[in-house]
PDB file of N, CA and C in Angstrom:
ATOM      1  N   MET A   1      40.522  36.189   1.857  1.00  0.00           N
ATOM      2  CA  MET A   1      40.205  37.587   1.811  1.00  0.00           C
ATOM      3  C   MET A   1      38.888  37.761   1.072  1.00  0.00           C
ATOM      4  N   GLY A   2      38.007  38.572   1.637  1.00  0.00           N
ATOM      5  CA  GLY A   2      36.737  38.871   1.000  1.00  0.00           C
ATOM      6  C   GLY A   2      36.732  40.280   0.435  1.00  0.00           C
ATOM      7  N   GLN A   3      35.690  40.586  -0.308  1.00  0.00           N
ATOM      8  CA  GLN A   3      35.539  41.906  -0.904  1.00  0.00           C
ATOM      9  C   GLN A   3      34.111  42.392  -0.694  1.00  0.00           C
ATOM     10  N   VAL A   4      33.990  43.680  -0.430  1.00  0.00           N
ATOM     11  CA  VAL A   4      32.688  44.336  -0.387  1.00  0.00           C
ATOM     12  C   VAL A   4      32.720  45.390  -1.482  1.00  0.00           C
ATOM     13  N   TYR A   5      31.845  45.233  -2.481  1.00  0.00           N
ATOM     14  CA  TYR A   5      31.796  46.136  -3.624  1.00  0.00           C
ATOM     15  C   TYR A   5      30.761  47.216  -3.370  1.00  0.00           C
ATOM     16  N   LEU A   6      31.196  48.469  -3.420  1.00  0.00           N
ATOM     17  CA  LEU A   6      30.286  49.592  -3.250  1.00  0.00           C
ATOM     18  C   LEU A   6      30.250  50.384  -4.553  1.00  0.00           C
ATOM     19  N   ALA A   7      29.117  50.347  -5.238  1.00  0.00           N
ATOM     20  CA  ALA A   7      28.966  51.204  -6.414  1.00  0.00           C
ATOM     21  C   ALA A   7      28.987  52.651  -5.933  1.00  0.00           C
ATOM     22  N   SER A   8      29.267  53.577  -6.814  1.00  0.00           N
ATOM     23  CA  SER A   8      29.402  54.979  -6.445  1.00  0.00           C
ATOM     24  C   SER A   8      28.218  55.470  -5.609  1.00  0.00           C
ATOM     25  N   GLY A   9      28.513  56.020  -4.447  1.00  0.00           N
ATOM     26  CA  GLY A   9      27.484  56.574  -3.575  1.00  0.00           C
ATOM     27  C   GLY A   9      26.742  55.562  -2.722  1.00  0.00           C
ATOM     28  N   LYS A  10      27.121  54.300  -2.751  1.00  0.00           N
ATOM     29  CA  LYS A  10      26.402  53.259  -1.996  1.00  0.00           C
ATOM     30  C   LYS A  10      27.002  53.067  -0.606  1.00  0.00           C
ATOM     31  N   HIS A  11      26.374  52.186   0.158  1.00  0.00           N
ATOM     32  CA  HIS A  11      26.739  52.006   1.558  1.00  0.00           C
ATOM     33  C   HIS A  11      26.811  50.528   1.929  1.00  0.00           C
ATOM     34  N   CYS A  12      27.517  50.254   3.004  1.00  0.00           N
ATOM     35  CA  CYS A  12      27.568  48.917   3.600  1.00  0.00           C
ATOM     36  C   CYS A  12      27.194  49.085   5.059  1.00  0.00           C
ATOM     37  N   ALA A  13      26.099  48.488   5.492  1.00  0.00           N
ATOM     38  CA  ALA A  13      25.603  48.643   6.856  1.00  0.00           C
ATOM     39  C   ALA A  13      25.968  47.456   7.737  1.00  0.00           C
ATOM     40  N   GLU A  14      27.061  46.770   7.426  1.00  0.00           N
ATOM     41  CA  GLU A  14      27.516  45.640   8.230  1.00  0.00           C
ATOM     42  C   GLU A  14      28.906  45.939   8.781  1.00  0.00           C
ATOM     43  N   LYS A  15      29.210  45.364   9.935  1.00  0.00           N
ATOM     44  CA  LYS A  15      30.527  45.559  10.537  1.00  0.00           C
ATOM     45  C   LYS A  15      31.578  44.773   9.757  1.00  0.00           C
ATOM     46  N   HIS A  16      32.669  45.456   9.428  1.00  0.00           N
ATOM     47  CA  HIS A  16      33.792  44.842   8.721  1.00  0.00           C
ATOM     48  C   HIS A  16      35.099  45.419   9.243  1.00  0.00           C
ATOM     49  N   THR A  17      36.164  44.676   9.050  1.00  0.00           N
ATOM     50  CA  THR A  17      37.512  45.184   9.241  1.00  0.00           C
ATOM     51  C   THR A  17      38.190  45.115   7.891  1.00  0.00           C
ATOM     52  N   THR A  18      38.628  46.256   7.388  1.00  0.00           N
ATOM     53  CA  THR A  18      39.273  46.289   6.084  1.00  0.00           C
ATOM     54  C   THR A  18      40.763  46.004   6.213  1.00  0.00           C
ATOM     55  N   THR A  19      41.331  45.476   5.143  1.00  0.00           N
ATOM     56  CA  THR A  19      42.790  45.348   5.039  1.00  0.00           C
ATOM     57  C   THR A  19      43.299  46.265   3.941  1.00  0.00           C
ATOM     58  N   GLY A  20      42.370  46.822   3.176  1.00  0.00           N
ATOM     59  CA  GLY A  20      42.720  47.752   2.109  1.00  0.00           C
ATOM     60  C   GLY A  20      41.475  48.243   1.404  1.00  0.00           C
ATOM     61  N   ILE A  21      41.620  49.380   0.723  1.00  0.00           N
ATOM     62  CA  ILE A  21      40.514  49.976  -0.016  1.00  0.00           C
ATOM     63  C   ILE A  21      41.006  50.303  -1.421  1.00  0.00           C
ATOM     64  N   LEU A  22      40.269  49.829  -2.429  1.00  0.00           N
ATOM     65  CA  LEU A  22      40.594  50.102  -3.827  1.00  0.00           C
ATOM     66  C   LEU A  22      39.536  51.042  -4.387  1.00  0.00           C
ATOM     67  N   ILE A  23      39.982  52.141  -4.972  1.00  0.00           N
ATOM     68  CA  ILE A  23      39.072  53.118  -5.562  1.00  0.00           C
ATOM     69  C   ILE A  23      39.235  53.078  -7.071  1.00  0.00           C
ATOM     70  N   ASP A  24      38.097  52.946  -7.764  1.00  0.00           N
ATOM     71  CA  ASP A  24      38.078  52.915  -9.224  1.00  0.00           C
ATOM     72  C   ASP A  24      37.398  54.195  -9.716  1.00  0.00           C
ATOM     73  N   PRO A  25      38.179  55.213 -10.071  1.00  0.00           N
ATOM     74  CA  PRO A  25      37.579  56.471 -10.514  1.00  0.00           C
ATOM     75  C   PRO A  25      37.076  56.398 -11.956  1.00  0.00           C
ATOM     76  N   SER A  26      36.070  57.183 -12.254  1.00  0.00           N
ATOM     77  CA  SER A  26      35.528  57.255 -13.608  1.00  0.00           C
ATOM     78  C   SER A  26      36.110  58.435 -14.381  1.00  0.00           C
ATOM     79  N   ALA A  27      36.703  59.379 -13.667  1.00  0.00           N
ATOM     80  CA  ALA A  27      37.294  60.567 -14.290  1.00  0.00           C
ATOM     81  C   ALA A  27      38.283  61.179 -13.306  1.00  0.00           C
ATOM     82  N   GLY A  28      38.996  62.186 -13.771  1.00  0.00           N
ATOM     83  CA  GLY A  28      39.938  62.888 -12.902  1.00  0.00           C
ATOM     84  C   GLY A  28      39.216  63.716 -11.851  1.00  0.00           C
ATOM     85  N   SER A  29      39.966  64.276 -10.944  1.00  0.00           N
ATOM     86  CA  SER A  29      39.433  65.092  -9.838  1.00  0.00           C
ATOM     87  C   SER A  29      38.392  64.326  -9.027  1.00  0.00           C
ATOM     88  N   TRP A  30      38.740  63.104  -8.623  1.00  0.00           N
ATOM     89  CA  TRP A  30      37.804  62.273  -7.864  1.00  0.00           C
ATOM     90  C   TRP A  30      38.007  62.477  -6.360  1.00  0.00           C
ATOM     91  N   VAL A  31      36.940  62.204  -5.614  1.00  0.00           N
ATOM     92  CA  VAL A  31      36.963  62.321  -4.153  1.00  0.00           C
ATOM     93  C   VAL A  31      36.130  61.181  -3.581  1.00  0.00           C
ATOM     94  N   CYS A  32      36.627  60.593  -2.502  1.00  0.00           N
ATOM     95  CA  CYS A  32      35.895  59.530  -1.797  1.00  0.00           C
ATOM     96  C   CYS A  32      35.979  59.775  -0.301  1.00  0.00           C
ATOM     97  N   VAL A  33      34.832  59.817   0.362  1.00  0.00           N
ATOM     98  CA  VAL A  33      34.775  59.946   1.816  1.00  0.00           C
ATOM     99  C   VAL A  33      33.872  58.839   2.343  1.00  0.00           C
ATOM    100  N   LEU A  34      34.394  58.037   3.272  1.00  0.00           N
ATOM    101  CA  LEU A  34      33.627  56.978   3.929  1.00  0.00           C
ATOM    102  C   LEU A  34      33.442  57.341   5.397  1.00  0.00           C
ATOM    103  N   LYS A  35      32.206  57.173   5.889  1.00  0.00           N
ATOM    104  CA  LYS A  35      31.898  57.457   7.294  1.00  0.00           C
ATOM    105  C   LYS A  35      31.200  56.262   7.917  1.00  0.00           C
ATOM    106  N   ASP A  36      31.259  56.174   9.253  1.00  0.00           N
ATOM    107  CA  ASP A  36      30.554  55.101   9.957  1.00  0.00           C
ATOM    108  C   ASP A  36      29.117  55.529  10.226  1.00  0.00           C
ATOM    109  N   SER A  37      28.356  54.721  10.961  1.00  0.00           N
ATOM    110  CA  SER A  37      26.937  55.012  11.182  1.00  0.00           C
ATOM    111  C   SER A  37      26.711  56.249  12.047  1.00  0.00           C
ATOM    112  N   ALA A  38      27.715  56.651  12.831  1.00  0.00           N
ATOM    113  CA  ALA A  38      27.600  57.842  13.664  1.00  0.00           C
ATOM    114  C   ALA A  38      28.037  59.105  12.923  1.00  0.00           C
ATOM    115  N   GLY A  39      28.525  58.950  11.693  1.00  0.00           N
ATOM    116  CA  GLY A  39      28.965  60.101  10.918  1.00  0.00           C
ATOM    117  C   GLY A  39      30.433  60.457  11.090  1.00  0.00           C
ATOM    118  N   THR A  40      31.181  59.595  11.772  1.00  0.00           N
ATOM    119  CA  THR A  40      32.618  59.816  11.951  1.00  0.00           C
ATOM    120  C   THR A  40      33.350  59.434  10.670  1.00  0.00           C
ATOM    121  N   THR A  41      34.233  60.294  10.202  1.00  0.00           N
ATOM    122  CA  THR A  41      34.988  60.013   8.985  1.00  0.00           C
ATOM    123  C   THR A  41      35.991  58.899   9.238  1.00  0.00           C
ATOM    124  N   LEU A  42      35.903  57.856   8.415  1.00  0.00           N
ATOM    125  CA  LEU A  42      36.791  56.701   8.510  1.00  0.00           C
ATOM    126  C   LEU A  42      37.947  56.797   7.526  1.00  0.00           C
ATOM    127  N   PHE A  43      37.657  57.334   6.327  1.00  0.00           N
ATOM    128  CA  PHE A  43      38.631  57.308   5.240  1.00  0.00           C
ATOM    129  C   PHE A  43      38.311  58.419   4.261  1.00  0.00           C
ATOM    130  N   THR A  44      39.339  59.124   3.818  1.00  0.00           N
ATOM    131  CA  THR A  44      39.204  60.165   2.807  1.00  0.00           C
ATOM    132  C   THR A  44      40.342  60.022   1.817  1.00  0.00           C
ATOM    133  N   ALA A  45      40.013  60.095   0.537  1.00  0.00           N
ATOM    134  CA  ALA A  45      41.045  60.053  -0.505  1.00  0.00           C
ATOM    135  C   ALA A  45      40.580  60.893  -1.679  1.00  0.00           C
ATOM    136  N   ARG A  46      41.561  61.401  -2.424  1.00  0.00           N
ATOM    137  CA  ARG A  46      41.254  62.180  -3.630  1.00  0.00           C
ATOM    138  C   ARG A  46      42.383  62.018  -4.619  1.00  0.00           C
ATOM    139  N   GLY A  47      42.075  62.219  -5.878  1.00  0.00           N
ATOM    140  CA  GLY A  47      43.085  62.087  -6.915  1.00  0.00           C
ATOM    141  C   GLY A  47      42.827  63.031  -8.066  1.00  0.00           C
ATOM    142  N   ALA A  48      43.870  63.292  -8.844  1.00  0.00           N
ATOM    143  CA  ALA A  48      43.775  64.243  -9.949  1.00  0.00           C
ATOM    144  C   ALA A  48      43.463  63.581 -11.285  1.00  0.00           C
ATOM    145  N   ASP A  49      43.739  62.260 -11.404  1.00  0.00           N
ATOM    146  CA  ASP A  49      43.478  61.587 -12.681  1.00  0.00           C
ATOM    147  C   ASP A  49      42.661  60.323 -12.460  1.00  0.00           C
ATOM    148  N   ALA A  50      42.268  59.687 -13.541  1.00  0.00           N
ATOM    149  CA  ALA A  50      41.377  58.525 -13.473  1.00  0.00           C
ATOM    150  C   ALA A  50      42.135  57.213 -13.305  1.00  0.00           C
ATOM    151  N   THR A  51      43.189  57.215 -12.524  1.00  0.00           N
ATOM    152  CA  THR A  51      43.969  56.014 -12.258  1.00  0.00           C
ATOM    153  C   THR A  51      43.490  55.374 -10.955  1.00  0.00           C
ATOM    154  N   ALA A  52      43.340  54.051 -10.955  1.00  0.00           N
ATOM    155  CA  ALA A  52      42.912  53.336  -9.745  1.00  0.00           C
ATOM    156  C   ALA A  52      43.869  53.637  -8.592  1.00  0.00           C
ATOM    157  N   PHE A  53      43.303  53.673  -7.377  1.00  0.00           N
ATOM    158  CA  PHE A  53      44.066  54.012  -6.181  1.00  0.00           C
ATOM    159  C   PHE A  53      43.824  52.939  -5.122  1.00  0.00           C
ATOM    160  N   TYR A  54      44.886  52.408  -4.536  1.00  0.00           N
ATOM    161  CA  TYR A  54      44.762  51.402  -3.475  1.00  0.00           C
ATOM    162  C   TYR A  54      45.408  51.941  -2.203  1.00  0.00           C
ATOM    163  N   ALA A  55      44.686  51.833  -1.098  1.00  0.00           N
ATOM    164  CA  ALA A  55      45.207  52.244   0.205  1.00  0.00           C
ATOM    165  C   ALA A  55      45.220  51.029   1.124  1.00  0.00           C
ATOM    166  N   PRO A  56      46.396  50.581   1.585  1.00  0.00           N
ATOM    167  CA  PRO A  56      46.470  49.439   2.502  1.00  0.00           C
ATOM    168  C   PRO A  56      46.177  49.881   3.941  1.00  0.00           C
ATOM    169  N   VAL A  57      44.901  50.019   4.275  1.00  0.00           N
ATOM    170  CA  VAL A  57      44.502  50.532   5.579  1.00  0.00           C
ATOM    171  C   VAL A  57      43.686  49.492   6.341  1.00  0.00           C
ATOM    172  N   LYS A  58      43.865  49.481   7.653  1.00  0.00           N
ATOM    173  CA  LYS A  58      43.073  48.600   8.512  1.00  0.00           C
ATOM    174  C   LYS A  58      42.085  49.470   9.277  1.00  0.00           C
ATOM    175  N   ILE A  59      40.802  49.276   8.973  1.00  0.00           N
ATOM    176  CA  ILE A  59      39.736  50.050   9.597  1.00  0.00           C
ATOM    177  C   ILE A  59      38.646  49.076  10.027  1.00  0.00           C
ATOM    178  N   THR A  60      38.218  49.175  11.272  1.00  0.00           N
ATOM    179  CA  THR A  60      37.083  48.394  11.755  1.00  0.00           C
ATOM    180  C   THR A  60      35.949  49.370  12.048  1.00  0.00           C
ATOM    181  N   ALA A  61      34.789  49.104  11.455  1.00  0.00           N
ATOM    182  CA  ALA A  61      33.645  49.989  11.653  1.00  0.00           C
ATOM    183  C   ALA A  61      32.348  49.225  11.494  1.00  0.00           C
ATOM    184  N   ASP A  62      31.277  49.784  12.052  1.00  0.00           N
ATOM    185  CA  ASP A  62      29.960  49.148  11.977  1.00  0.00           C
ATOM    186  C   ASP A  62      29.260  49.415  10.656  1.00  0.00           C
ATOM    187  N   ALA A  63      29.776  50.369   9.884  1.00  0.00           N
ATOM    188  CA  ALA A  63      29.204  50.697   8.581  1.00  0.00           C
ATOM    189  C   ALA A  63      30.234  51.470   7.775  1.00  0.00           C
ATOM    190  N   PHE A  64      30.103  51.415   6.461  1.00  0.00           N
ATOM    191  CA  PHE A  64      30.947  52.187   5.556  1.00  0.00           C
ATOM    192  C   PHE A  64      29.999  52.919   4.599  1.00  0.00           C
ATOM    193  N   ASN A  65      29.701  54.182   4.923  1.00  0.00           N
ATOM    194  CA  ASN A  65      28.776  54.990   4.145  1.00  0.00           C
ATOM    195  C   ASN A  65      29.577  55.945   3.265  1.00  0.00           C
ATOM    196  N   MET A  66      29.386  55.845   1.951  1.00  0.00           N
ATOM    197  CA  MET A  66      30.097  56.706   1.019  1.00  0.00           C
ATOM    198  C   MET A  66      29.337  58.034   0.938  1.00  0.00           C
ATOM    199  N   THR A  67      29.752  59.003   1.764  1.00  0.00           N
ATOM    200  CA  THR A  67      29.041  60.277   1.831  1.00  0.00           C
ATOM    201  C   THR A  67      29.455  61.229   0.724  1.00  0.00           C
ATOM    202  N   THR A  68      30.658  61.072   0.210  1.00  0.00           N
ATOM    203  CA  THR A  68      31.109  61.846  -0.951  1.00  0.00           C
ATOM    204  C   THR A  68      31.663  60.863  -1.962  1.00  0.00           C
ATOM    205  N   ALA A  69      31.139  60.915  -3.181  1.00  0.00           N
ATOM    206  CA  ALA A  69      31.572  60.009  -4.246  1.00  0.00           C
ATOM    207  C   ALA A  69      31.604  60.796  -5.548  1.00  0.00           C
ATOM    208  N   THR A  70      32.645  61.577  -5.721  1.00  0.00           N
ATOM    209  CA  THR A  70      32.770  62.412  -6.916  1.00  0.00           C
ATOM    210  C   THR A  70      33.625  61.701  -7.957  1.00  0.00           C
ATOM    211  N   ASN A  71      33.084  61.494  -9.140  1.00  0.00           N
ATOM    212  CA  ASN A  71      33.784  60.848 -10.261  1.00  0.00           C
ATOM    213  C   ASN A  71      34.284  59.443  -9.924  1.00  0.00           C
ATOM    214  N   LEU A  72      33.464  58.658  -9.235  1.00  0.00           N
ATOM    215  CA  LEU A  72      33.835  57.289  -8.877  1.00  0.00           C
ATOM    216  C   LEU A  72      32.938  56.282  -9.580  1.00  0.00           C
ATOM    217  N   THR A  73      33.539  55.176 -10.013  1.00  0.00           N
ATOM    218  CA  THR A  73      32.762  54.054 -10.522  1.00  0.00           C
ATOM    219  C   THR A  73      32.422  53.118  -9.364  1.00  0.00           C
ATOM    220  N   ALA A  74      33.428  52.810  -8.543  1.00  0.00           N
ATOM    221  CA  ALA A  74      33.228  51.887  -7.423  1.00  0.00           C
ATOM    222  C   ALA A  74      34.338  52.017  -6.411  1.00  0.00           C
ATOM    223  N   VAL A  75      34.043  51.527  -5.208  1.00  0.00           N
ATOM    224  CA  VAL A  75      35.033  51.393  -4.140  1.00  0.00           C
ATOM    225  C   VAL A  75      34.922  49.950  -3.649  1.00  0.00           C
ATOM    226  N   ILE A  76      36.066  49.282  -3.525  1.00  0.00           N
ATOM    227  CA  ILE A  76      36.078  47.912  -3.050  1.00  0.00           C
ATOM    228  C   ILE A  76      36.791  47.865  -1.714  1.00  0.00           C
ATOM    229  N   LEU A  77      36.106  47.322  -0.710  1.00  0.00           N
ATOM    230  CA  LEU A  77      36.685  47.139   0.617  1.00  0.00           C
ATOM    231  C   LEU A  77      37.203  45.706   0.685  1.00  0.00           C
ATOM    232  N   TYR A  78      38.471  45.527   0.961  1.00  0.00           N
ATOM    233  CA  TYR A  78      39.041  44.190   1.139  1.00  0.00           C
ATOM    234  C   TYR A  78      38.964  43.860   2.623  1.00  0.00           C
ATOM    235  N   THR A  79      38.359  42.703   2.926  1.00  0.00           N
ATOM    236  CA  THR A  79      38.146  42.338   4.332  1.00  0.00           C
ATOM    237  C   THR A  79      38.925  41.083   4.674  1.00  0.00           C
TER     238      THR A  79
END
């Protein structure tokens, strides 16, 4: 299993298939939105507190662009 580390607001312009997404919030009321290169929403998550969040999702896309990154330290894509 590999990992793609995205610092808050960063992007990955390579094709990947995820097996899960880990969100590391820096504060409460966090929001994360990932979109592909065409602007289609791939993944959306939000939380009320600064607790790490893991989503076991399988997503294949040509890019993972973090278009919304509110109160996030990082997002890790597991491939």
